[in-house]
Amino acid sequence: MKLESVWPEQSFDCEGWRGEMASRIAAFDWSDTAMGPIDRWSKSLRATVQLLLASPVPLVMLWGRAGTMIYNDAYAGFAGGRHPFLLGKPVEEGWPEIAAFNRNVVDTCLSGATLSYADKRLTLHRNGQPEDVWMDLHYSPVAEDDGHPAGVIAVVVETTRKVLAEDKLLKLTQTLERRVAEAVAARVEAEERFRQVQKLEAIGNLTGGVAHDFNNVLQIISANLQLIELATRDKPELTRRLHVMSEAVARGGKLAAQMLAFARRQPLNPAVVNPAKLVADMCEFLQRALPESIKLKTSVSYDAWNLFVDRHQLENALLNLVINSRDAIAQGGNILLEVENATLGDANTAGLALPAGDYVRLAVTDDGAGMPDSVKARMFEPFYSTKAEGQGTGLGLSMVFGFVSQSAGCVDVKTKVGEGTTVALYFPRCTQSESQDLDGARPGASRGGETVLVVEDDADVRLSTIDMLAQLGYKVLSAEDADAALAVLRKNPKVDLLFSDVVMPGTIRADALAKIASAPPYNAAVVFASGYTRDIIFHEGRLDEGVVLLKKPFTFDDLARTVRNALDTRH
């Protein structure tokens, strides 16, 4: 049998008719295939092969029921390492990994039907290793000269790159959508936090102003009660009644202090505190505040960093949280008190309104009733309480919020109805060593004959203070504001101590008056007395250095001790 060296004999400048596959087809011995010798091919078969070779699209023809493969140059590129092995092979032998798929194709098209697939995924072994390949596949029957289907022509367009690119784009889009959703949620949460902070700030300013006026009223009552007590020492029947009234004033003072704590206007006395030691010292006391049915557990990291906080206020805050947890547990349960280090950016600090840095986290967790969102949204508002009337003031959590905020920290609350609540306090890390208690005995309330200038805009408070100082043996001058006080100073340069309110009308501020009085030629000691410090002598949560503050309402003993100490320690 004669083998043709070129097929077809004339190429007519068609690239495919003189390409690699045209030469291979011409050189291949087709005698043992379903197609038979090449010189005996029918007109239909020759025309189809000629069409196949001319196409720039990957085409393969499967002839006969065996699906003998003959293909063009473009398909040879698609076949990879399987070329030229595939030429003249039955399709199930050429692609054994997808034999069942190709068997269905051949049988379907030889029956006269067509098949089409878009982005069909098949696993092929083109280069010896399995790989997922996506393709657009179109199968049509090829007619013999007598018109019956004798073969299948397949258009094979690989879409793997497109499919993978689309999948990558889809994942990127989904990731982007998720990130946008997370960013929007974070922004909504931040805006809600900001609105809550603004709301609490407004309530705090109002509360602080009320506390100031309330403390002035209490000071008038307290001072006059004490003066009456001095004047009626020989009437024991009045002593008990005066004592009851004094206790009521003390309760009112405590309430005002709680209001100022929420308003972040309470003077703090911060020191370096080791939180692990503090919690260890408090455990026994806290357990005594709980019934036997509630167990207090601790999880304390003993390498916890130090804090720079007011120790007394921190103890009060933890006590408030434990008592709230106790009240949230109906019968038996557990309360967990945790102390651990936290670095902003960790999972447990995500979303907190704090600058980047190191913090110490103190958390109280209970397995009580939990809080609905409506309660959680108002939990820090002063006088808001879910407890029965008479069982709480509604100021406990307000004080905690104010103290932590005033200490440059943050409160984070996680709660779920029926599962419990976690209230976590975050405080900035302090790198200093723990403070040692160097407080000695307080000076006694001894009397003296020095001259004191009282500056107070409230006439009733001013008069009661003058009377108390006079009872203590001091010579007293007075002024209704700082402008009048300056005039008094200039007329009486021998004033030994300036006793001034903090918030007053006039063109001269209390701190400016204090600087003048404490400097030459006066060199007077200075004591401030106030129920609301504002920012005149008070910054970043604590009194300015060297400032002596006597908080209203004050007692005779408080006044005597503070004035005597200021006079004895002046330079």
Protein backbone atom coordinates (compact mmCIF):
# COMPACT_ATOMS: atom_id res chain seq x y z
CA MET A 1 0.00 0.00 0.00
CA LYS A 2 1.33 3.40 -1.00
CA LEU A 3 1.56 6.02 1.80
CA GLU A 4 1.09 9.65 0.83
CA SER A 5 3.80 12.05 2.05
CA VAL A 6 1.55 15.12 1.80
CA TRP A 7 -2.19 15.19 2.46
CA PRO A 8 -4.07 16.69 0.84
CA GLU A 9 -1.86 16.84 -2.26
CA GLN A 10 -2.41 20.57 -2.74
CA SER A 11 -2.40 23.02 0.17
CA PHE A 12 -3.59 26.12 -1.70
CA ASP A 13 -1.67 28.24 0.85
CA CYS A 14 -3.81 26.92 3.75
CA GLU A 15 -1.57 26.76 6.79
CA GLY A 16 -3.30 23.70 8.26
CA TRP A 17 -3.07 21.71 5.01
CA ARG A 18 0.72 21.88 5.07
CA GLY A 19 1.25 21.73 8.84
CA GLU A 20 2.55 19.05 11.22
CA MET A 21 -0.70 17.11 11.47
CA ALA A 22 -1.21 17.12 7.68
CA SER A 23 2.21 15.42 7.38
CA ARG A 24 1.50 12.99 10.23
CA ILE A 25 -1.89 12.03 8.80
CA ALA A 26 -0.32 11.46 5.39
CA ALA A 27 2.44 9.29 6.93
CA PHE A 28 0.20 7.29 9.28
CA ASP A 29 -0.85 3.77 8.32
CA TRP A 30 -4.61 3.82 8.69
CA SER A 31 -5.11 0.28 7.35
CA ASP A 32 -5.82 -1.31 10.74
CA THR A 33 -8.23 1.40 11.87
CA ALA A 34 -11.94 1.86 11.28
CA MET A 35 -11.06 4.50 8.70
CA GLY A 36 -9.14 2.14 6.41
CA PRO A 37 -6.28 3.07 4.02
CA ILE A 38 -6.07 6.75 3.26
CA ASP A 39 -6.34 6.25 -0.52
CA ARG A 40 -9.72 4.56 0.00
CA TRP A 41 -11.26 7.25 2.18
CA SER A 42 -14.69 8.38 1.09
CA LYS A 43 -15.34 11.86 -0.20
CA SER A 44 -17.19 12.74 3.00
CA LEU A 45 -14.32 11.55 5.20
CA ARG A 46 -11.73 13.40 3.11
CA ALA A 47 -13.77 16.61 3.19
CA THR A 48 -14.22 16.40 6.96
CA VAL A 49 -10.50 15.78 7.59
CA GLN A 50 -9.62 18.62 5.26
CA LEU A 51 -12.02 20.93 7.13
CA LEU A 52 -10.56 19.77 10.45
CA LEU A 53 -6.96 20.48 9.40
CA ALA A 54 -7.81 23.96 8.13
CA SER A 55 -9.45 25.08 11.38
CA PRO A 56 -7.49 27.22 13.85
CA VAL A 57 -9.77 25.93 16.64
CA PRO A 58 -8.86 22.62 18.36
CA LEU A 59 -10.84 19.94 16.50
CA VAL A 60 -10.78 16.16 16.82
CA MET A 61 -12.77 13.61 14.85
CA LEU A 62 -13.79 10.28 16.37
CA TRP A 63 -14.48 7.81 13.52
CA GLY A 64 -16.61 4.74 13.80
CA ARG A 65 -17.94 3.18 16.96
CA ALA A 66 -14.37 2.80 18.26
CA GLY A 67 -13.93 6.55 17.94
CA THR A 68 -10.60 6.45 16.05
CA MET A 69 -8.95 9.82 16.70
CA ILE A 70 -7.71 12.20 14.02
CA TYR A 71 -7.07 15.83 14.94
CA ASN A 72 -5.54 19.14 13.85
CA ASP A 73 -2.51 21.16 14.96
CA ALA A 74 -4.51 23.18 17.52
CA TYR A 75 -5.76 19.99 19.23
CA ALA A 76 -2.20 18.63 19.28
CA GLY A 77 -1.26 21.62 21.43
CA PHE A 78 -4.19 20.94 23.75
CA ALA A 79 -3.25 17.23 24.08
CA GLY A 80 0.17 18.08 25.55
CA GLY A 81 2.27 15.00 26.32
CA ARG A 82 -0.43 12.70 24.87
CA HIS A 83 0.43 13.89 21.36
CA PRO A 84 1.23 12.14 18.99
CA PHE A 85 0.22 8.99 20.87
CA LEU A 86 -3.46 9.84 20.36
CA LEU A 87 -3.35 9.84 16.57
CA GLY A 88 -5.17 6.76 15.19
CA LYS A 89 -6.06 5.47 18.69
CA PRO A 90 -9.61 4.61 19.81
CA VAL A 91 -10.75 7.47 22.03
CA GLU A 92 -11.29 5.22 25.11
CA GLU A 93 -7.69 4.00 24.79
CA GLY A 94 -6.33 7.47 24.12
CA TRP A 95 -8.10 9.06 27.13
CA PRO A 96 -8.74 6.14 29.53
CA GLU A 97 -9.34 8.46 32.51
CA ILE A 98 -12.54 9.75 30.83
CA ALA A 99 -13.45 6.58 28.88
CA ALA A 100 -17.05 6.50 30.11
CA PHE A 101 -17.58 10.13 29.18
CA ASN A 102 -16.26 9.62 25.63
CA ARG A 103 -18.24 6.37 25.20
CA ASN A 104 -21.41 8.33 25.84
CA VAL A 105 -20.33 11.05 23.38
CA VAL A 106 -19.67 8.59 20.55
CA ASP A 107 -22.87 6.60 21.10
CA THR A 108 -24.97 9.75 21.33
CA CYS A 109 -23.63 11.39 18.17
CA LEU A 110 -23.68 8.17 16.10
CA SER A 111 -27.38 8.10 16.85
CA GLY A 112 -27.66 11.50 15.13
CA ALA A 113 -27.81 13.72 18.24
CA THR A 114 -25.48 16.53 19.37
CA LEU A 115 -23.92 17.43 22.73
CA SER A 116 -22.63 20.70 24.18
CA TYR A 117 -20.94 21.51 27.47
CA ALA A 118 -19.89 24.91 28.86
CA ASP A 119 -16.89 24.96 31.23
CA LYS A 120 -17.00 21.18 31.58
CA ARG A 121 -14.64 20.01 34.29
CA LEU A 122 -12.66 16.83 33.53
CA THR A 123 -9.55 15.35 35.10
CA LEU A 124 -6.98 14.58 32.37
CA HIS A 125 -3.49 13.07 32.41
CA ARG A 126 -2.01 15.15 29.61
CA ASN A 127 1.52 15.19 31.01
CA GLY A 128 1.57 12.10 33.19
CA GLN A 129 -0.10 13.78 36.21
CA PRO A 130 -3.81 14.29 36.88
CA GLU A 131 -4.99 17.85 36.41
CA ASP A 132 -8.39 19.49 36.48
CA VAL A 133 -9.21 20.97 33.10
CA TRP A 134 -12.26 23.06 32.17
CA MET A 135 -13.47 23.09 28.56
CA ASP A 136 -16.24 24.24 26.26
CA LEU A 137 -17.11 21.06 24.30
CA HIS A 138 -19.37 20.77 21.25
CA TYR A 139 -20.01 17.38 19.56
CA SER A 140 -21.78 16.87 16.21
CA PRO A 141 -22.24 13.78 14.01
CA VAL A 142 -20.25 13.41 10.75
CA ALA A 143 -22.14 11.84 7.82
CA GLU A 144 -20.73 9.23 5.46
CA ASP A 145 -21.36 9.48 1.73
CA ASP A 146 -24.64 7.61 2.11
CA GLY A 147 -25.83 10.12 4.74
CA HIS A 148 -25.75 8.00 7.89
CA PRO A 149 -23.69 9.17 10.93
CA ALA A 150 -20.25 7.54 10.77
CA GLY A 151 -18.21 9.70 13.13
CA VAL A 152 -18.14 12.60 15.58
CA ILE A 153 -16.54 16.02 15.14
CA ALA A 154 -15.58 17.68 18.43
CA VAL A 155 -14.79 21.33 19.03
CA VAL A 156 -12.54 21.53 22.12
CA VAL A 157 -11.84 24.96 23.64
CA GLU A 158 -9.99 24.92 26.97
CA THR A 159 -11.34 27.49 29.47
CA THR A 160 -9.23 26.55 32.49
CA ARG A 161 -7.56 29.95 32.81
CA LYS A 162 -10.84 31.78 32.46
CA VAL A 163 -12.62 29.57 35.01
CA LEU A 164 -9.79 29.85 37.55
CA ALA A 165 -9.60 33.62 37.02
CA GLU A 166 -13.37 33.93 37.49
CA ASP A 167 -13.21 31.75 40.60
CA LYS A 168 -10.40 33.88 41.99
CA LEU A 169 -12.35 37.02 41.16
CA LEU A 170 -15.45 35.56 42.80
CA LYS A 171 -13.53 34.73 45.97
CA LEU A 172 -11.96 38.18 45.93
CA THR A 173 -15.40 39.74 45.49
CA GLN A 174 -16.81 37.65 48.32
CA THR A 175 -13.83 38.54 50.50
CA LEU A 176 -14.24 42.19 49.58
CA GLU A 177 -17.96 42.05 50.33
CA ARG A 178 -17.22 40.42 53.67
CA ARG A 179 -14.56 43.01 54.46
CA VAL A 180 -16.90 45.83 53.45
CA ALA A 181 -19.64 44.30 55.61
CA GLU A 182 -17.22 43.97 58.53
CA ALA A 183 -16.01 47.55 58.03
CA VAL A 184 -19.58 48.84 57.89
CA ALA A 185 -20.50 46.84 61.00
CA ALA A 186 -17.40 48.16 62.79
CA ARG A 187 -18.27 51.71 61.79
CA VAL A 188 -21.86 51.30 62.96
CA GLU A 189 -20.58 49.91 66.27
CA ALA A 190 -18.06 52.76 66.58
CA GLU A 191 -20.76 55.33 65.84
CA GLU A 192 -23.03 53.72 68.42
CA ARG A 193 -20.17 53.77 70.95
CA PHE A 194 -19.53 57.43 70.11
CA ARG A 195 -23.21 58.31 70.55
CA GLN A 196 -23.24 56.46 73.85
CA VAL A 197 -20.09 58.29 74.99
CA GLN A 198 -21.62 61.64 73.97
CA LYS A 199 -24.80 60.76 75.82
CA LEU A 200 -22.92 59.74 78.95
CA GLU A 201 -20.71 62.83 78.65
CA ALA A 202 -23.78 65.08 78.54
CA ILE A 203 -25.35 63.26 81.49
CA GLY A 204 -22.01 63.44 83.30
CA ASN A 205 -21.72 67.21 82.87
CA LEU A 206 -25.26 67.67 84.12
CA THR A 207 -24.68 65.25 87.01
CA GLY A 208 -21.44 66.97 87.98
CA GLY A 209 -23.13 70.36 88.08
CA VAL A 210 -25.96 68.99 90.21
CA ALA A 211 -23.45 67.33 92.56
CA HIS A 212 -21.63 70.65 92.98
CA ASP A 213 -24.78 72.48 94.04
CA PHE A 214 -25.87 69.51 96.15
CA ASN A 215 -22.52 69.48 97.97
CA ASN A 216 -22.84 73.19 98.75
CA VAL A 217 -26.28 72.58 100.26
CA LEU A 218 -24.91 69.65 102.27
CA GLN A 219 -21.99 71.77 103.45
CA ILE A 220 -24.34 74.43 104.81
CA ILE A 221 -26.40 71.79 106.65
CA SER A 222 -23.33 69.91 107.89
CA ALA A 223 -21.50 72.98 109.14
CA ASN A 224 -24.51 74.34 110.98
CA LEU A 225 -25.30 70.95 112.49
CA GLN A 226 -21.77 70.77 113.86
CA LEU A 227 -21.98 74.32 115.17
CA ILE A 228 -25.30 73.51 116.85
CA GLU A 229 -23.74 70.38 118.33
CA LEU A 230 -20.94 72.48 119.85
CA ALA A 231 -23.46 74.92 121.25
CA THR A 232 -25.69 72.25 122.76
CA ARG A 233 -23.20 69.92 124.40
CA ASP A 234 -25.09 70.26 127.67
CA LYS A 235 -28.35 69.01 126.07
CA PRO A 236 -27.93 65.28 125.52
CA GLU A 237 -31.53 64.91 124.35
CA LEU A 238 -30.56 66.80 121.18
CA THR A 239 -27.37 64.85 120.58
CA ARG A 240 -29.11 61.76 119.18
CA ARG A 241 -31.21 63.82 116.76
CA LEU A 242 -28.18 65.79 115.61
CA HIS A 243 -26.31 62.52 115.12
CA VAL A 244 -29.13 61.15 112.91
CA MET A 245 -29.08 64.32 110.80
CA SER A 246 -25.29 64.17 110.48
CA GLU A 247 -25.52 60.58 109.24
CA ALA A 248 -28.08 61.68 106.65
CA VAL A 249 -25.67 64.40 105.48
CA ALA A 250 -22.91 61.78 105.23
CA ARG A 251 -25.15 59.58 103.07
CA GLY A 252 -25.92 62.57 100.89
CA GLY A 253 -22.20 63.28 100.57
CA LYS A 254 -21.58 59.69 99.52
CA LEU A 255 -24.33 59.97 96.91
CA ALA A 256 -22.79 63.19 95.56
CA ALA A 257 -19.38 61.49 95.43
CA GLN A 258 -20.90 58.67 93.38
CA MET A 259 -22.42 61.20 91.01
CA LEU A 260 -19.04 62.90 90.63
CA ALA A 261 -17.41 59.52 90.00
CA PHE A 262 -19.74 58.95 87.06
CA ALA A 263 -19.10 62.51 85.83
CA ARG A 264 -15.35 61.75 85.99
CA ARG A 265 -14.87 64.75 88.29
CA GLN A 266 -13.82 62.97 91.45
CA PRO A 267 -10.25 63.75 92.54
CA LEU A 268 -8.21 60.58 92.27
CA ASN A 269 -5.14 59.62 94.23
CA PRO A 270 -3.37 57.32 91.74
CA ALA A 271 -0.38 55.17 92.62
CA VAL A 272 1.39 52.19 91.10
CA VAL A 273 -0.65 49.08 91.95
CA ASN A 274 0.06 45.40 91.37
CA PRO A 275 -3.36 44.05 90.24
CA ALA A 276 -2.53 40.41 91.03
CA LYS A 277 -1.72 41.29 94.65
CA LEU A 278 -4.75 43.55 94.92
CA VAL A 279 -7.13 40.80 93.80
CA ALA A 280 -5.43 38.26 96.08
CA ASP A 281 -5.90 40.63 99.03
CA MET A 282 -9.58 41.18 98.15
CA CYS A 283 -10.64 37.56 97.58
CA GLU A 284 -11.58 36.71 101.15
CA PHE A 285 -13.49 39.97 101.55
CA LEU A 286 -15.34 39.48 98.25
CA GLN A 287 -16.30 35.91 99.12
CA ARG A 288 -17.85 37.15 102.37
CA ALA A 289 -20.09 39.44 100.29
CA LEU A 290 -21.53 36.36 98.54
CA PRO A 291 -23.95 33.70 99.80
CA GLU A 292 -22.72 30.11 100.13
CA SER A 293 -24.59 29.15 96.95
CA ILE A 294 -22.32 31.39 94.84
CA LYS A 295 -18.68 30.43 94.40
CA LEU A 296 -16.02 33.02 93.64
CA LYS A 297 -13.24 31.72 91.39
CA THR A 298 -10.13 33.58 90.27
CA SER A 299 -7.86 33.33 87.29
CA VAL A 300 -4.92 35.60 88.01
CA SER A 301 -1.82 35.97 85.87
CA TYR A 302 0.88 36.65 88.44
CA ASP A 303 3.08 38.26 85.80
CA ALA A 304 0.36 40.85 85.20
CA TRP A 305 1.71 44.34 84.57
CA ASN A 306 1.32 47.13 87.11
CA LEU A 307 -1.35 49.84 86.91
CA PHE A 308 -1.32 53.53 87.78
CA VAL A 309 -4.72 53.92 89.40
CA ASP A 310 -6.48 54.96 92.57
CA ARG A 311 -6.30 51.74 94.59
CA HIS A 312 -9.37 52.55 96.69
CA GLN A 313 -11.49 53.31 93.62
CA LEU A 314 -10.33 50.13 91.86
CA GLU A 315 -11.30 48.06 94.88
CA ASN A 316 -14.71 49.75 94.90
CA ALA A 317 -15.14 49.08 91.18
CA LEU A 318 -14.40 45.35 91.55
CA LEU A 319 -16.68 45.12 94.57
CA ASN A 320 -19.49 46.79 92.60
CA LEU A 321 -19.06 44.33 89.73
CA VAL A 322 -19.04 41.30 92.02
CA ILE A 323 -22.18 42.51 93.83
CA ASN A 324 -23.93 43.09 90.48
CA SER A 325 -22.97 39.56 89.43
CA ARG A 326 -24.28 38.24 92.73
CA ASP A 327 -27.63 39.96 92.17
CA ALA A 328 -27.85 38.56 88.62
CA ILE A 329 -27.62 34.95 89.88
CA ALA A 330 -31.05 33.74 90.94
CA GLN A 331 -29.99 30.74 93.05
CA GLY A 332 -26.60 29.03 92.86
CA GLY A 333 -23.86 29.93 90.43
CA ASN A 334 -20.30 31.02 89.85
CA ILE A 335 -18.44 34.30 89.56
CA LEU A 336 -15.02 34.39 87.89
CA LEU A 337 -12.57 37.22 88.58
CA GLU A 338 -9.76 37.41 86.00
CA VAL A 339 -6.53 39.40 85.78
CA GLU A 340 -4.45 39.17 82.62
CA ASN A 341 -2.28 41.20 80.26
CA ALA A 342 -3.73 42.32 76.94
CA THR A 343 -2.14 43.97 73.93
CA LEU A 344 -4.38 46.05 71.68
CA GLY A 345 -4.80 44.12 68.45
CA ASP A 346 -5.32 40.70 70.07
CA ALA A 347 -8.68 39.01 69.55
CA ASN A 348 -9.83 39.89 73.06
CA THR A 349 -9.29 43.64 72.55
CA ALA A 350 -10.66 44.02 69.04
CA GLY A 351 -13.17 46.84 68.74
CA LEU A 352 -12.25 48.63 71.95
CA ALA A 353 -12.02 52.39 71.85
CA LEU A 354 -8.42 52.48 73.05
CA PRO A 355 -5.15 53.57 71.45
CA ALA A 356 -2.62 50.89 70.55
CA GLY A 357 -0.54 49.64 73.47
CA ASP A 358 -0.34 47.31 76.43
CA TYR A 359 -3.18 47.01 78.91
CA VAL A 360 -4.19 45.02 81.96
CA ARG A 361 -7.61 43.38 81.80
CA LEU A 362 -9.61 42.80 84.97
CA ALA A 363 -12.87 41.00 84.27
CA VAL A 364 -15.81 39.76 86.31
CA THR A 365 -17.87 36.99 84.70
CA ASP A 366 -21.06 35.43 86.04
CA ASP A 367 -23.38 32.68 84.81
CA GLY A 368 -26.49 34.62 85.82
CA ALA A 369 -29.46 35.95 83.90
CA GLY A 370 -27.57 38.12 81.41
CA MET A 371 -28.93 41.38 79.98
CA PRO A 372 -31.11 42.16 76.96
CA ASP A 373 -29.83 44.84 74.58
CA SER A 374 -32.27 47.41 75.99
CA VAL A 375 -30.74 47.07 79.47
CA LYS A 376 -27.15 46.90 78.21
CA ALA A 377 -27.63 50.18 76.33
CA ARG A 378 -28.52 51.99 79.58
CA MET A 379 -26.46 50.11 82.16
CA PHE A 380 -24.01 52.98 82.74
CA GLU A 381 -26.64 55.71 83.09
CA PRO A 382 -26.80 57.15 86.61
CA PHE A 383 -29.83 56.13 88.67
CA TYR A 384 -30.82 53.48 86.11
CA SER A 385 -31.45 50.18 87.87
CA THR A 386 -33.34 46.96 87.18
CA LYS A 387 -33.35 46.05 90.86
CA ALA A 388 -36.39 46.37 93.07
CA GLU A 389 -36.97 49.74 94.72
CA GLY A 390 -34.75 50.23 97.72
CA GLN A 391 -32.21 47.59 96.63
CA GLY A 392 -29.84 49.89 94.77
CA THR A 393 -29.14 53.50 93.81
CA GLY A 394 -28.37 52.80 90.16
CA LEU A 395 -24.97 54.45 90.58
CA GLY A 396 -22.71 51.40 90.99
CA LEU A 397 -21.93 50.80 87.32
CA SER A 398 -21.99 54.54 86.65
CA MET A 399 -19.17 54.94 89.18
CA VAL A 400 -17.23 52.08 87.57
CA PHE A 401 -17.60 53.64 84.12
CA GLY A 402 -16.54 57.08 85.35
CA PHE A 403 -13.55 55.81 87.30
CA VAL A 404 -12.23 53.63 84.46
CA SER A 405 -12.70 56.40 81.88
CA GLN A 406 -11.03 58.91 84.21
CA SER A 407 -8.09 56.48 84.51
CA ALA A 408 -7.58 56.42 80.69
CA GLY A 409 -9.15 52.97 80.49
CA CYS A 410 -12.18 51.35 78.90
CA VAL A 411 -15.11 49.16 79.96
CA ASP A 412 -16.17 46.29 77.69
CA VAL A 413 -19.39 44.37 78.29
CA LYS A 414 -20.38 41.04 76.77
CA THR A 415 -23.72 39.56 77.81
CA LYS A 416 -26.31 37.06 76.63
CA VAL A 417 -29.72 36.48 78.14
CA GLY A 418 -29.80 33.20 80.02
CA GLU A 419 -26.03 32.68 79.85
CA GLY A 420 -24.45 35.46 81.88
CA THR A 421 -22.36 38.62 81.65
CA THR A 422 -18.70 39.59 81.47
CA VAL A 423 -17.65 43.12 82.41
CA ALA A 424 -13.99 43.73 81.56
CA LEU A 425 -11.99 46.75 82.73
CA TYR A 426 -8.93 47.72 80.66
CA PHE A 427 -6.26 49.95 82.20
CA PRO A 428 -3.01 51.15 80.55
CA ARG A 429 0.11 49.28 81.59
CA CYS A 430 2.41 51.05 84.04
CA THR A 431 6.14 50.29 83.76
CA GLN A 432 7.01 51.70 87.19
CA SER A 433 7.53 49.58 90.29
CA GLU A 434 4.74 49.18 92.82
CA SER A 435 4.35 52.08 95.23
CA GLN A 436 5.16 51.62 98.89
CA ASP A 437 2.78 52.98 101.53
CA LEU A 438 4.73 55.77 103.11
CA ASP A 439 1.79 57.51 104.78
CA GLY A 440 2.62 58.41 108.35
CA ALA A 441 0.30 59.49 111.10
CA ARG A 442 -1.94 62.37 110.14
CA PRO A 443 -1.34 65.64 111.95
CA GLY A 444 -3.68 66.39 114.80
CA ALA A 445 -6.41 68.99 114.60
CA SER A 446 -4.58 71.50 116.78
CA ARG A 447 -5.77 75.08 117.04
CA GLY A 448 -3.83 78.13 115.96
CA GLY A 449 -4.12 81.90 115.76
CA GLU A 450 -3.17 82.33 112.10
CA THR A 451 -5.14 84.43 109.62
CA VAL A 452 -7.26 82.61 107.05
CA LEU A 453 -8.87 84.26 104.01
CA VAL A 454 -12.10 82.44 103.03
CA VAL A 455 -13.20 82.92 99.40
CA GLU A 456 -16.66 81.50 98.61
CA ASP A 457 -19.41 82.82 96.34
CA ASP A 458 -22.22 81.03 98.20
CA ALA A 459 -22.96 83.30 101.18
CA ASP A 460 -24.37 80.53 103.39
CA VAL A 461 -21.38 78.26 102.79
CA ARG A 462 -19.03 81.20 103.39
CA LEU A 463 -20.62 82.14 106.71
CA SER A 464 -20.70 78.56 108.02
CA THR A 465 -17.03 78.08 107.07
CA ILE A 466 -16.08 81.32 108.80
CA ASP A 467 -17.88 80.17 111.95
CA MET A 468 -16.10 76.78 111.89
CA LEU A 469 -12.65 78.36 111.45
CA ALA A 470 -13.41 80.85 114.19
CA GLN A 471 -14.37 78.00 116.49
CA LEU A 472 -10.96 76.45 115.69
CA GLY A 473 -9.25 79.66 116.87
CA TYR A 474 -8.26 81.22 113.52
CA LYS A 475 -8.62 84.85 112.55
CA VAL A 476 -10.86 84.91 109.50
CA LEU A 477 -11.19 87.31 106.58
CA SER A 478 -13.66 86.69 103.76
CA ALA A 479 -14.44 87.54 100.14
CA GLU A 480 -17.27 86.54 97.78
CA ASP A 481 -15.04 85.92 94.75
CA ALA A 482 -11.41 85.96 93.58
CA ASP A 483 -11.52 89.62 92.50
CA ALA A 484 -12.64 90.71 95.99
CA ALA A 485 -10.13 88.31 97.57
CA LEU A 486 -7.25 89.94 95.70
CA ALA A 487 -8.27 93.30 97.07
CA VAL A 488 -8.38 91.84 100.61
CA LEU A 489 -4.90 90.34 100.12
CA ARG A 490 -3.43 93.66 99.10
CA LYS A 491 -4.85 95.30 102.22
CA ASN A 492 -3.82 92.39 104.50
CA PRO A 493 -0.49 90.99 103.29
CA LYS A 494 -0.12 88.92 106.49
CA VAL A 495 -2.72 86.32 105.42
CA ASP A 496 -1.35 82.88 106.35
CA LEU A 497 -3.72 80.67 104.41
CA LEU A 498 -6.07 81.09 101.46
CA PHE A 499 -9.18 78.86 101.79
CA SER A 500 -10.93 79.07 98.43
CA ASP A 501 -13.79 77.51 96.51
CA VAL A 502 -12.81 76.27 93.05
CA VAL A 503 -15.76 77.26 90.86
CA MET A 504 -16.63 80.94 91.24
CA PRO A 505 -17.77 83.89 89.10
CA GLY A 506 -15.48 86.81 88.37
CA THR A 507 -12.60 87.73 86.08
CA ILE A 508 -9.91 85.97 88.16
CA ARG A 509 -9.91 82.18 88.35
CA ALA A 510 -9.33 80.33 91.60
CA ASP A 511 -6.02 78.83 90.43
CA ALA A 512 -4.72 82.28 89.40
CA LEU A 513 -5.64 83.68 92.82
CA ALA A 514 -3.84 80.75 94.47
CA LYS A 515 -0.65 81.46 92.52
CA ILE A 516 -0.70 85.09 93.62
CA ALA A 517 -1.38 84.23 97.27
CA SER A 518 1.29 81.55 97.49
CA ALA A 519 3.98 83.73 95.91
CA PRO A 520 5.92 86.60 97.55
CA PRO A 521 5.14 88.87 99.27
CA TYR A 522 2.19 86.84 100.70
CA ASN A 523 3.66 83.28 100.77
CA ALA A 524 0.34 81.96 102.03
CA ALA A 525 -0.62 78.30 102.18
CA VAL A 526 -3.55 77.36 99.91
CA VAL A 527 -6.44 74.95 100.48
CA PHE A 528 -9.20 74.48 97.94
CA ALA A 529 -12.66 73.37 99.03
CA SER A 530 -15.13 72.16 96.43
CA GLY A 531 -17.81 69.64 95.58
CA TYR A 532 -16.94 69.80 91.86
CA THR A 533 -13.37 70.36 90.74
CA ARG A 534 -13.84 70.86 86.99
CA ASP A 535 -10.52 71.29 85.18
CA ILE A 536 -9.12 74.24 87.08
CA ILE A 537 -7.02 72.26 89.58
CA PHE A 538 -7.70 68.84 88.15
CA HIS A 539 -6.23 67.24 85.01
CA GLU A 540 -6.01 63.71 83.59
CA GLY A 541 -7.98 62.23 86.44
CA ARG A 542 -5.96 63.65 89.33
CA LEU A 543 -5.23 66.86 91.20
CA ASP A 544 -2.43 69.06 89.95
CA GLU A 545 0.85 68.64 91.83
CA GLY A 546 0.97 70.45 95.16
CA VAL A 547 -2.77 71.14 95.28
CA VAL A 548 -4.59 70.53 98.59
CA LEU A 549 -8.30 69.84 98.19
CA LEU A 550 -10.90 69.49 100.94
CA LYS A 551 -14.02 67.87 99.52
CA LYS A 552 -17.43 69.20 100.46
CA PRO A 553 -19.24 68.44 102.69
CA PHE A 554 -16.44 68.42 105.26
CA THR A 555 -16.48 68.01 109.02
CA PHE A 556 -14.81 70.00 111.78
CA ASP A 557 -12.11 67.35 112.06
CA ASP A 558 -11.50 67.35 108.28
CA LEU A 559 -11.25 71.14 108.24
CA ALA A 560 -9.00 71.34 111.29
CA ARG A 561 -6.64 68.63 110.08
CA THR A 562 -6.37 69.96 106.51
CA VAL A 563 -5.81 73.60 107.49
CA ARG A 564 -3.29 72.72 110.20
CA ASN A 565 -1.36 70.43 107.85
CA ALA A 566 -1.26 73.07 105.11
CA LEU A 567 0.02 75.72 107.52
CA ASP A 568 2.65 73.42 109.04
CA THR A 569 4.03 72.24 105.70
CA ARG A 570 4.16 75.53 103.80
CA HIS A 571 7.60 76.61 102.70
